[in-house]
Protein backbone atom coordinates (compact mmCIF):
# COMPACT_ATOMS: atom_id res chain seq x y z
CA UNK A 1 12.26 48.88 17.19
CA UNK A 2 12.26 48.35 13.45
CA UNK A 3 9.24 50.60 12.76
CA UNK A 4 9.06 54.23 11.67
CA UNK A 5 8.79 55.30 15.33
CA UNK A 6 12.55 54.75 15.80
CA UNK A 7 13.55 55.37 12.16
CA UNK A 8 15.36 58.66 12.93
CA UNK A 9 17.52 56.82 15.43
CA UNK A 10 18.47 53.98 13.08
CA UNK A 11 21.02 56.19 11.34
CA UNK A 12 22.98 56.81 14.56
CA UNK A 13 22.52 53.48 16.38
CA UNK A 14 21.71 50.00 15.01
CA UNK A 15 18.66 48.40 16.69
CA UNK A 16 19.74 44.80 15.78
CA UNK A 17 21.03 43.65 19.17
CA UNK A 18 18.21 45.41 21.05
CA UNK A 19 15.65 43.80 18.72
CA UNK A 20 17.12 40.31 19.29
CA UNK A 21 17.15 40.91 23.04
CA UNK A 22 13.53 42.03 22.95
CA UNK A 23 12.52 38.85 21.06
CA UNK A 24 14.43 36.71 23.56
CA UNK A 25 12.81 38.48 26.53
CA UNK A 26 9.34 37.97 25.04
CA UNK A 27 9.86 34.17 25.07
CA UNK A 28 11.62 34.00 28.42
CA UNK A 29 8.64 34.78 30.58
CA UNK A 30 5.36 36.64 30.85
CA UNK A 31 6.98 39.63 32.64
CA UNK A 32 6.47 42.61 30.29
CA UNK A 33 9.05 44.65 32.20
CA UNK A 34 11.81 42.69 30.43
CA UNK A 35 10.47 43.73 27.04
CA UNK A 36 10.08 47.31 28.25
CA UNK A 37 13.69 47.29 29.42
CA UNK A 38 14.96 46.51 25.91
CA UNK A 39 12.88 49.32 24.44
CA UNK A 40 13.93 51.70 27.23
CA UNK A 41 17.62 50.94 26.69
CA UNK A 42 17.45 51.72 22.96
CA UNK A 43 15.33 54.86 23.54
CA UNK A 44 17.87 56.07 26.14
CA UNK A 45 20.68 55.56 23.61
CA UNK A 46 18.73 57.62 21.10
CA UNK A 47 18.12 60.36 23.70
CA UNK A 48 21.85 60.58 24.41
CA UNK A 49 22.30 61.31 20.69
CA UNK A 50 19.72 64.12 20.97
CA UNK A 51 16.90 62.15 19.27
CA UNK A 52 13.66 62.09 21.26
CA UNK A 53 11.33 59.10 20.84
CA UNK A 54 8.05 59.08 22.78
CA UNK A 55 7.65 55.28 22.69
CA UNK A 56 5.85 54.49 25.94
CA UNK A 57 2.54 55.89 24.69
CA UNK A 58 2.64 53.32 21.83
CA UNK A 59 2.81 50.22 24.10
CA UNK A 60 -0.88 50.14 24.96
CA UNK A 61 -0.20 50.90 28.62
CA UNK A 62 2.27 48.03 29.09
CA UNK A 63 5.30 50.28 29.73
CA UNK A 64 3.81 53.41 31.36
CA UNK A 65 5.70 55.33 34.09
CA UNK A 66 3.80 56.58 37.14
CA UNK A 67 5.03 59.91 38.56
CA UNK A 68 4.26 61.54 41.95
CA UNK A 69 1.26 63.81 41.95
CA UNK A 70 3.36 66.99 41.96
CA UNK A 71 5.41 65.91 38.95
CA UNK A 72 4.68 64.94 35.34
CA UNK A 73 6.24 62.44 32.91
CA UNK A 74 8.18 63.67 29.91
CA UNK A 75 9.71 61.43 27.25
CA UNK A 76 12.47 63.95 26.67
CA UNK A 77 13.83 66.34 29.26
CA UNK A 78 17.20 67.71 30.40
CA UNK A 79 19.66 65.20 31.79
CA UNK A 80 19.95 67.40 34.92
CA UNK A 81 16.72 69.16 35.89
CA UNK A 82 17.37 72.85 36.64
CA UNK A 83 16.72 73.96 40.25
CA UNK A 84 16.57 77.26 42.04
CA UNK A 85 20.10 76.60 43.26
CA UNK A 86 21.59 75.57 39.93
CA UNK A 87 20.91 75.94 36.25
CA UNK A 88 21.52 73.10 33.81
CA UNK A 89 24.17 73.44 31.16
CA UNK A 90 23.01 73.75 27.59
CA UNK A 91 23.49 70.08 26.59
CA UNK A 92 21.94 68.29 23.58
CA UNK A 93 21.60 65.10 25.62
CA UNK A 94 18.10 64.24 26.70
CA UNK A 95 16.53 61.87 29.23
CA UNK A 96 13.07 60.73 30.21
CA UNK A 97 11.73 61.10 33.72
CA UNK A 98 9.36 62.85 36.12
CA UNK A 99 9.82 66.62 35.93
CA UNK A 100 8.25 69.65 37.61
CA UNK A 101 5.22 70.89 35.68
CA UNK A 102 5.58 73.77 33.29
CA UNK A 103 5.82 77.12 35.21
CA UNK A 104 7.45 75.56 38.29
CA UNK A 105 11.04 74.82 39.25
CA UNK A 106 12.64 72.23 41.45
CA UNK A 107 13.56 73.92 44.73
CA UNK A 108 17.04 72.46 45.12
CA UNK A 109 18.99 69.29 44.36
CA UNK A 110 17.72 66.61 46.67
CA UNK A 111 14.51 68.51 47.50
CA UNK A 112 11.48 66.91 45.85
CA UNK A 113 9.45 70.08 45.76
CA UNK A 114 8.42 72.29 42.88
CA UNK A 115 8.03 76.06 43.56
CA UNK A 116 6.52 78.88 41.58
CA UNK A 117 9.21 81.37 42.66
CA UNK A 118 12.77 80.54 43.61
CA UNK A 119 14.17 81.66 46.94
CA UNK A 120 11.09 81.21 49.04
CA UNK A 121 8.54 78.68 50.11
CA UNK A 122 5.07 79.50 51.23
CA UNK A 123 4.46 79.06 54.97
CA UNK A 124 3.01 75.68 55.69
CA UNK A 125 4.37 74.20 52.39
CA UNK A 126 4.93 70.50 52.75
CA UNK A 127 7.58 68.87 50.59
CA UNK A 128 9.79 65.80 50.47
CA UNK A 129 13.55 65.93 50.77
CA UNK A 130 15.98 63.06 51.04
CA UNK A 131 13.11 60.68 51.80
CA UNK A 132 11.93 62.92 54.59
CA UNK A 133 8.64 64.76 54.98
CA UNK A 134 9.44 68.46 55.47
CA UNK A 135 7.33 71.58 56.21
CA UNK A 136 8.06 75.28 56.03
CA UNK A 137 7.19 76.68 59.47
CA UNK A 138 5.26 79.90 59.75
CA UNK A 139 6.88 83.03 61.08
CA UNK A 140 10.20 82.23 59.48
CA UNK A 141 11.05 79.59 62.06
CA UNK A 142 12.68 77.42 59.38
CA UNK A 143 12.06 74.00 57.92
CA UNK A 144 11.39 70.88 59.95
CA UNK A 145 11.90 67.39 58.42
CA UNK A 146 10.95 63.97 59.68
CA UNK A 147 11.79 60.53 58.25
CA UNK A 148 9.20 59.43 55.73
CA UNK A 149 6.92 56.77 57.07
CA UNK A 150 6.46 53.65 54.92
CA UNK A 151 3.30 51.69 55.41
CA UNK A 152 4.00 48.13 56.52
CA UNK A 153 3.18 45.53 53.90
CA UNK A 154 2.46 41.83 54.42
CA UNK A 155 5.38 39.48 53.85
CA UNK A 156 5.48 38.35 50.25
CA UNK A 157 5.50 34.58 49.73
CA UNK A 158 6.43 33.48 46.21
CA UNK A 159 4.77 30.08 45.99
CA UNK A 160 4.50 29.76 42.23
CA UNK A 161 7.21 27.61 40.69
CA UNK A 162 9.96 29.62 39.03
CA UNK A 163 9.31 32.84 40.99
CA UNK A 164 11.50 34.47 43.66
CA UNK A 165 11.13 37.46 46.00
CA UNK A 166 12.78 40.76 44.98
CA UNK A 167 12.97 43.91 47.14
CA UNK A 168 13.04 47.09 45.07
CA UNK A 169 12.10 50.73 45.22
CA UNK A 170 8.39 51.37 45.15
CA UNK A 171 7.66 53.25 41.89
CA UNK A 172 4.80 55.02 43.67
CA UNK A 173 7.04 56.07 46.57
CA UNK A 174 10.76 55.95 45.87
CA UNK A 175 11.53 56.35 49.56
CA UNK A 176 9.96 53.01 50.38
CA UNK A 177 10.77 49.53 49.30
CA UNK A 178 8.36 46.88 48.14
CA UNK A 179 8.79 43.15 47.78
CA UNK A 180 7.45 41.50 44.63
CA UNK A 181 7.69 38.11 42.92
CA UNK A 182 9.78 37.95 39.78
CA UNK A 183 9.94 35.09 37.24
CA UNK A 184 13.11 33.22 36.41
CA UNK A 185 12.47 30.29 34.04
CA UNK A 186 15.78 28.71 35.03
CA UNK A 187 14.29 28.09 38.48
CA UNK A 188 11.48 25.93 37.06
CA UNK A 189 11.91 22.38 38.34
CA UNK A 190 9.77 20.74 35.67
CA UNK A 191 11.94 19.37 32.88
CA UNK A 192 10.69 18.80 29.34
CA UNK A 193 9.14 15.32 29.17
CA UNK A 194 10.75 12.59 27.03
CA UNK A 195 8.67 12.13 23.91
CA UNK A 196 8.22 8.86 21.98
CA UNK A 197 9.46 8.44 18.43
CA UNK A 198 7.53 10.58 16.01
CA UNK A 199 6.86 13.32 18.59
CA UNK A 200 8.78 16.39 19.77
CA UNK A 201 8.59 18.68 22.81
CA UNK A 202 6.80 22.02 22.46
CA UNK A 203 6.72 24.69 25.18
CA UNK A 204 3.90 27.17 25.61
CA UNK A 205 3.94 30.31 27.74
CA UNK A 206 0.68 31.22 29.44
CA UNK A 207 -0.06 34.71 30.79
CA UNK A 208 0.07 35.01 34.59
CA UNK A 209 2.24 31.89 34.75
CA UNK A 210 6.02 31.78 35.07
CA UNK A 211 6.95 28.27 33.95
CA UNK A 212 6.02 27.03 30.47
CA UNK A 213 3.70 24.17 29.71
CA UNK A 214 5.39 21.24 27.93
CA UNK A 215 3.65 18.83 25.57
CA UNK A 216 4.59 16.21 22.98
CA UNK A 217 3.27 17.04 19.52
CA UNK A 218 3.49 14.93 16.32
CA UNK A 219 6.39 15.59 13.97
CA UNK A 220 4.39 14.53 10.92
CA UNK A 221 6.51 11.41 10.26
CA UNK A 222 6.05 7.63 10.06
CA UNK A 223 7.54 5.35 12.71
CA UNK A 224 8.49 1.70 12.25
CA UNK A 225 10.90 -0.41 14.29
CA UNK A 226 12.45 2.51 16.23
CA UNK A 227 13.06 4.56 13.09
CA UNK A 228 11.42 7.72 11.75
CA UNK A 229 10.58 8.21 8.06
CA UNK A 230 9.69 11.44 6.29
CA UNK A 231 6.56 11.55 4.08
CA UNK A 232 7.31 10.25 0.59
CA UNK A 233 10.33 8.20 1.65
CA UNK A 234 10.43 4.38 1.25
CA UNK A 235 9.93 2.30 4.39
CA UNK A 236 11.51 -1.15 4.71
CA UNK A 237 8.94 -3.40 6.34
CA UNK A 238 9.75 -6.80 4.83
CA UNK A 239 11.19 -8.12 1.59
CA UNK A 240 7.69 -9.16 0.56
CA UNK A 241 6.20 -5.65 0.72
CA UNK A 242 6.90 -2.28 -0.90
CA UNK A 243 6.03 0.41 1.67
CA UNK A 244 5.99 4.23 1.57
CA UNK A 245 5.42 6.87 4.24
CA UNK A 246 2.32 8.91 3.29
CA UNK A 247 0.99 12.35 4.24
CA UNK A 248 -2.10 10.81 5.86
CA UNK A 249 -2.30 10.65 9.65
CA UNK A 250 -3.69 7.93 11.90
CA UNK A 251 -6.17 9.56 14.28
CA UNK A 252 -5.46 6.96 16.95
CA UNK A 253 -1.64 7.15 17.01
CA UNK A 254 -1.22 10.66 15.53
CA UNK A 255 1.55 9.21 13.34
CA UNK A 256 1.62 9.28 9.57
CA UNK A 257 0.27 6.18 7.83
CA UNK A 258 2.57 3.67 6.11
CA UNK A 259 1.07 2.34 2.86
CA UNK A 260 2.27 -1.11 1.68
CA UNK A 261 1.69 -3.30 -1.37
CA UNK A 262 2.81 -6.91 -1.86
CA UNK A 263 5.65 -7.46 -4.28
CA UNK A 264 4.42 -8.71 -7.71
CA UNK A 265 4.17 -12.51 -7.95
CA UNK A 266 3.40 -15.00 -10.72
CA UNK A 267 -0.21 -16.18 -10.62
CA UNK A 268 0.00 -18.90 -13.28
CA UNK A 269 2.46 -21.50 -14.54
CA UNK A 270 3.18 -23.21 -17.83
CA UNK A 271 1.43 -26.53 -18.57
CA UNK A 272 2.87 -29.30 -16.41
CA UNK A 273 3.80 -26.91 -13.60
CA UNK A 274 1.88 -25.80 -10.50
CA UNK A 275 2.33 -23.02 -7.93
CA UNK A 276 3.71 -24.36 -4.64
CA UNK A 277 4.85 -22.69 -1.42
CA UNK A 278 8.43 -21.47 -1.43
CA UNK A 279 9.67 -21.29 2.20
CA UNK A 280 11.63 -18.14 2.97
CA UNK A 281 10.48 -16.39 -0.20
CA UNK A 282 7.68 -13.90 -0.85
CA UNK A 283 6.08 -15.64 -3.79
CA UNK A 284 5.10 -19.19 -4.65
CA UNK A 285 7.20 -20.89 -7.29
CA UNK A 286 6.27 -22.93 -10.34
CA UNK A 287 7.22 -26.56 -9.77
CA UNK A 288 6.91 -29.36 -12.30
CA UNK A 289 4.22 -31.89 -11.38
CA UNK A 290 3.67 -33.63 -14.74
CA UNK A 291 5.55 -34.67 -17.86
CA UNK A 292 5.43 -32.46 -20.93
CA UNK A 293 5.50 -34.51 -24.12
CA UNK A 294 6.26 -32.71 -27.39
CA UNK A 295 5.02 -35.18 -30.00
CA UNK A 296 5.97 -32.97 -32.97
CA UNK A 297 7.78 -29.66 -33.53
CA UNK A 298 5.58 -26.60 -33.15
CA UNK A 299 2.85 -28.41 -31.23
CA UNK A 300 1.83 -27.54 -27.69
CA UNK A 301 2.41 -31.10 -26.61
CA UNK A 302 0.62 -33.30 -24.11
CA UNK A 303 0.70 -33.26 -20.31
CA UNK A 304 0.85 -36.62 -18.52
CA UNK A 305 0.72 -37.45 -14.85
CA UNK A 306 3.23 -39.96 -13.52
CA UNK A 307 1.94 -43.44 -14.40
CA UNK A 308 -0.30 -42.22 -17.25
CA UNK A 309 -0.04 -43.53 -20.83
CA UNK A 310 -1.62 -41.88 -23.87
CA UNK A 311 -1.79 -42.73 -27.56
CA UNK A 312 -0.55 -40.20 -30.07
CA UNK A 313 -3.78 -38.64 -31.42
CA UNK A 314 -2.33 -38.65 -34.94
CA UNK A 315 -0.60 -42.05 -34.81
CA UNK A 316 -2.24 -45.07 -33.17
CA UNK A 317 1.06 -46.94 -33.21
CA UNK A 318 2.79 -44.49 -30.82
CA UNK A 319 2.24 -44.28 -27.05
CA UNK A 320 3.60 -41.71 -24.60
CA UNK A 321 4.13 -42.47 -20.90
CA UNK A 322 5.32 -40.56 -17.81
CA UNK A 323 7.39 -41.67 -14.81
CA UNK A 324 8.80 -39.86 -11.78
CA UNK A 325 12.21 -41.15 -10.73
CA UNK A 326 14.14 -39.53 -7.84
CA UNK A 327 12.09 -36.36 -8.19
CA UNK A 328 12.69 -36.13 -11.93
CA UNK A 329 9.85 -36.38 -14.46
CA UNK A 330 10.81 -38.63 -17.35
CA UNK A 331 8.67 -39.13 -20.45
CA UNK A 332 9.14 -42.01 -22.86
CA UNK A 333 7.86 -42.93 -26.32
CA UNK A 334 6.80 -46.48 -27.25
CA UNK A 335 6.08 -47.65 -30.77
CA UNK A 336 4.27 -50.82 -31.86
CA UNK A 337 6.10 -52.85 -34.50
CA UNK A 338 3.60 -54.47 -36.84
CA UNK A 339 4.19 -57.68 -38.80
CA UNK A 340 4.50 -57.47 -42.54
CA UNK A 341 1.16 -56.89 -44.23
CA UNK A 342 0.27 -57.24 -47.91
CA UNK A 343 -3.28 -56.05 -48.73
CA UNK A 344 -3.20 -57.91 -52.06
CA UNK A 345 -3.36 -61.27 -50.24
CA UNK A 346 -6.58 -60.33 -48.42
CA UNK A 347 -10.16 -61.06 -49.22
CA UNK A 348 -11.76 -57.78 -50.34
CA UNK A 349 -13.40 -55.93 -47.39
CA UNK A 350 -11.76 -58.13 -44.72
CA UNK A 351 -9.03 -55.67 -43.69
CA UNK A 352 -9.41 -54.56 -40.06
CA UNK A 353 -7.22 -53.29 -37.21
CA UNK A 354 -5.81 -55.59 -34.60
CA UNK A 355 -6.92 -55.10 -30.95
CA UNK A 356 -3.92 -52.79 -30.42
CA UNK A 357 -5.53 -50.32 -32.82
CA UNK A 358 -2.31 -50.01 -34.83
CA UNK A 359 -1.60 -53.06 -36.96
CA UNK A 360 -3.84 -54.31 -39.78
CA UNK A 361 -5.09 -57.83 -40.38
CA UNK A 362 -7.39 -59.56 -42.88
CA UNK A 363 -8.73 -62.86 -44.11
CA UNK A 364 -6.37 -64.37 -46.70
CA UNK A 365 -7.95 -65.27 -50.00
CA UNK A 366 -7.19 -68.97 -49.55
CA UNK A 367 -8.18 -69.16 -45.86
CA UNK A 368 -11.30 -70.90 -44.63
CA UNK A 369 -13.87 -68.37 -43.69
CA UNK A 370 -14.34 -67.56 -40.00
CA UNK A 371 -17.87 -67.91 -38.67
CA UNK A 372 -19.62 -64.78 -37.37
CA UNK A 373 -18.68 -64.17 -33.72
CA UNK A 374 -17.52 -61.50 -31.22
CA UNK A 375 -13.90 -60.37 -31.42
CA UNK A 376 -12.38 -58.37 -28.49
CA UNK A 377 -10.70 -55.07 -29.45
CA UNK A 378 -9.17 -52.20 -27.43
CA UNK A 379 -10.45 -48.76 -28.27
CA UNK A 380 -10.24 -45.33 -26.70
CA UNK A 381 -13.54 -43.82 -25.59
CA UNK A 382 -13.43 -40.01 -25.37
CA UNK A 383 -16.07 -37.49 -24.28
CA UNK A 384 -15.75 -33.79 -23.44
CA UNK A 385 -11.96 -33.96 -23.34
CA UNK A 386 -11.91 -37.06 -21.07
CA UNK A 387 -10.75 -40.46 -22.36
CA UNK A 388 -9.88 -44.06 -21.47
CA UNK A 389 -8.80 -47.25 -23.27
CA UNK A 390 -11.57 -49.88 -23.02
CA UNK A 391 -11.75 -53.52 -24.18
CA UNK A 392 -14.96 -54.07 -26.15
CA UNK A 393 -16.32 -56.52 -28.78
CA UNK A 394 -16.65 -56.26 -32.56
CA UNK A 395 -18.75 -58.58 -34.76
CA UNK A 396 -16.43 -60.35 -37.18
CA UNK A 397 -16.79 -63.35 -39.51
CA UNK A 398 -18.31 -64.62 -42.77
CA UNK A 399 -21.97 -65.16 -43.55
CA UNK A 400 -23.60 -66.96 -46.48
CA UNK A 401 -24.31 -65.12 -49.71
CA UNK A 402 -26.33 -66.84 -52.48
CA UNK A 403 -27.29 -66.20 -56.11
CA UNK A 404 -30.09 -68.44 -57.57
CA UNK A 405 -31.73 -68.34 -61.00
CA UNK A 406 -35.47 -67.76 -60.89
CA UNK A 407 -37.36 -69.23 -63.89
CA UNK A 408 -40.40 -67.19 -63.03
CA UNK A 409 -38.52 -63.93 -62.87
CA UNK A 410 -36.15 -64.92 -65.71
CA UNK A 411 -33.30 -63.46 -63.59
CA UNK A 412 -30.91 -64.17 -60.74
CA UNK A 413 -32.23 -63.91 -57.18
CA UNK A 414 -29.58 -62.72 -54.63
CA UNK A 415 -29.69 -63.54 -50.97
CA UNK A 416 -27.20 -61.91 -48.57
CA UNK A 417 -26.58 -62.07 -44.85
CA UNK A 418 -24.34 -59.88 -42.66
CA UNK A 419 -22.43 -60.50 -39.38
CA UNK A 420 -24.25 -58.11 -37.02
CA UNK A 421 -24.88 -57.64 -33.32
CA UNK A 422 -27.48 -59.97 -31.83
CA UNK A 423 -27.54 -58.84 -28.21
CA UNK A 424 -26.10 -55.63 -26.63
CA UNK A 425 -25.92 -54.10 -23.15
CA UNK A 426 -25.13 -50.69 -21.63
CA UNK A 427 -21.91 -50.47 -19.64
CA UNK A 428 -20.34 -47.68 -17.55
CA UNK A 429 -16.74 -46.56 -17.56
CA UNK A 430 -14.90 -43.81 -15.63
CA UNK A 431 -13.09 -41.54 -18.10
CA UNK A 432 -9.84 -39.81 -17.05
CA UNK A 433 -10.06 -36.00 -17.34
CA UNK A 434 -7.38 -33.30 -17.22
CA UNK A 435 -6.52 -32.29 -13.67
CA UNK A 436 -7.25 -35.77 -12.27
CA UNK A 437 -11.06 -35.48 -12.48
CA UNK A 438 -13.13 -38.60 -13.34
CA UNK A 439 -16.19 -38.57 -15.62
CA UNK A 440 -18.83 -41.33 -15.60
CA UNK A 441 -19.77 -42.37 -19.17
CA UNK A 442 -22.11 -45.03 -20.65
CA UNK A 443 -21.43 -46.91 -23.92
CA UNK A 444 -23.05 -49.84 -25.87
CA UNK A 445 -21.27 -53.20 -25.53
CA UNK A 446 -21.82 -56.11 -28.01
CA UNK A 447 -22.59 -59.31 -26.12
CA UNK A 448 -23.17 -61.67 -29.12
CA UNK A 449 -23.20 -61.65 -32.95
CA UNK A 450 -25.30 -63.43 -35.60
CA UNK A 451 -25.61 -63.62 -39.39
CA UNK A 452 -28.72 -61.66 -40.38
CA UNK A 453 -30.37 -61.21 -43.78
CA UNK A 454 -29.79 -57.90 -45.49
CA UNK A 455 -30.27 -56.36 -48.94
CA UNK A 456 -27.60 -57.39 -51.41
CA UNK A 457 -25.67 -54.64 -53.08
CA UNK A 458 -23.26 -55.60 -55.85
CA UNK A 459 -19.94 -53.78 -55.90
CA UNK A 460 -19.44 -51.52 -58.94
CA UNK A 461 -17.05 -53.91 -60.66
CA UNK A 462 -19.66 -56.68 -60.50
CA UNK A 463 -22.52 -54.45 -61.69
CA UNK A 464 -20.45 -53.52 -64.71
CA UNK A 465 -19.92 -57.15 -65.64
CA UNK A 466 -23.51 -58.21 -65.00
CA UNK A 467 -24.65 -57.02 -68.39
CA UNK A 468 -22.36 -59.62 -70.03
CA UNK A 469 -23.78 -62.56 -68.04
CA UNK A 470 -25.51 -65.14 -70.24
CA UNK A 471 -28.68 -66.66 -68.84
CA UNK A 472 -28.39 -70.42 -68.29
CA UNK A 473 -30.77 -72.92 -69.79
CA UNK A 474 -34.10 -73.77 -68.26
CA UNK A 475 -33.83 -75.41 -64.88
CA UNK A 476 -30.24 -74.40 -64.43
CA UNK A 477 -29.28 -72.66 -61.14
CA UNK A 478 -26.29 -71.39 -59.19
CA UNK A 479 -26.03 -71.70 -55.48
CA UNK A 480 -23.39 -71.50 -52.82
CA UNK A 481 -21.06 -68.65 -52.05
CA UNK A 482 -20.20 -67.69 -55.62
CA UNK A 483 -21.20 -68.52 -59.19
CA UNK A 484 -18.93 -69.58 -62.04
CA UNK A 485 -18.83 -66.08 -63.49
CA UNK A 486 -18.89 -63.96 -60.29
CA UNK A 487 -16.31 -63.22 -57.64
CA UNK A 488 -17.43 -63.61 -54.06
CA UNK A 489 -18.74 -60.45 -52.42
CA UNK A 490 -16.60 -59.01 -49.64
CA UNK A 491 -17.74 -59.77 -46.10
CA UNK A 492 -19.60 -56.97 -44.32
CA UNK A 493 -17.91 -55.89 -41.07
CA UNK A 494 -19.90 -53.56 -38.77
CA UNK A 495 -17.96 -52.50 -35.68
CA UNK A 496 -20.17 -50.86 -33.04
CA UNK A 497 -18.75 -47.98 -30.93
């Protein structure tokens, strides 16, 4: 309708409504006669305006008209065909139909016979008039007509769903009726099926079938919890996941795929805190499990478990401890108060630390010397970051030191002894490591001490004064712990770790 074939008619009649009706008829059913009817109606309107359109020849045989053998089809002819009894008025209106062939004329209105010459029929001429079979008798006896005989046809049964029986004029013989099956989609009993979420109903018309086929086809959406989501839109699955509807399709469900990622969570905590489950939340939370001790500004501090105690690595007189009270981690600082100490009152070389590792002690200058023996001390053993306070022994005490004049050598002979380990043993201790791990470690323990001879070395202040020492007379000698002109040497202390 909207092609060049009907273009001359577009100026006198709009094809819009006929075009829409033709489109509707093409989807209503497989019967091509409905489509032909829309085209025929518009072509007839054009013919009434005097515009002839030979459209049936362009339908590929779908809308052809079959005429009786003695007539021929014309796309455009007079509205009233001229007969021998009447002539048509000169009218611009046209109509399609079956007309007498060129060179012949219709005998009379109502007589379906075409004659070469008006006013007479050849003897024996058979023709049809008013649905009767007529014959022109010889000898001028007139015309005899008999009712036209229609061949009986079997009863038409329309068994296909949506079809119904229609009695209409037989196009091949307009004097007889035929019964045929027509399609009416509204008579189809099959209703469109209900489709699940994510699918929609599609109908498909099949040739030679009246009722459409229905099927559920994917919409191209995602479905979750009775809701549809368009591709690219966010999908709420849970508060712990970020989900999006994608363009990809699941071959099993025919639905679009929902892509999800877990919400970002912390994977580490600050020192003294650990990740623990957080009921009702997506991510674990950092919960304090140890005390954090800041021993000085700007330092990272130390981490202590409840019940642990550690010495300040830069101050042996300060201890840090950790306690957990009513779910709260409390750190405390303890300091050792040392008694007054005056190094000037000590024997040179006798200053040592007390067993607490903080306070100092010594042998007073006027105190009787202590014999060489083991003295228990508390020290921290550390290895590979693990440590523990251990009670061990030191060798402590005084040993004899002598200076004797040798007449043979014409000089003083020095004899020295030192308080040293006599017997030792290997002991094991379990060191405490970060994270609660234990490390087995072996160290040397002093079991007993003894004064042992060693090479005498004079302190610098005594070597400087030795050059001023006057040699005594023959036979004179100095023995004991010091001579009249020499200060006693400091005791030698050798702690073993």
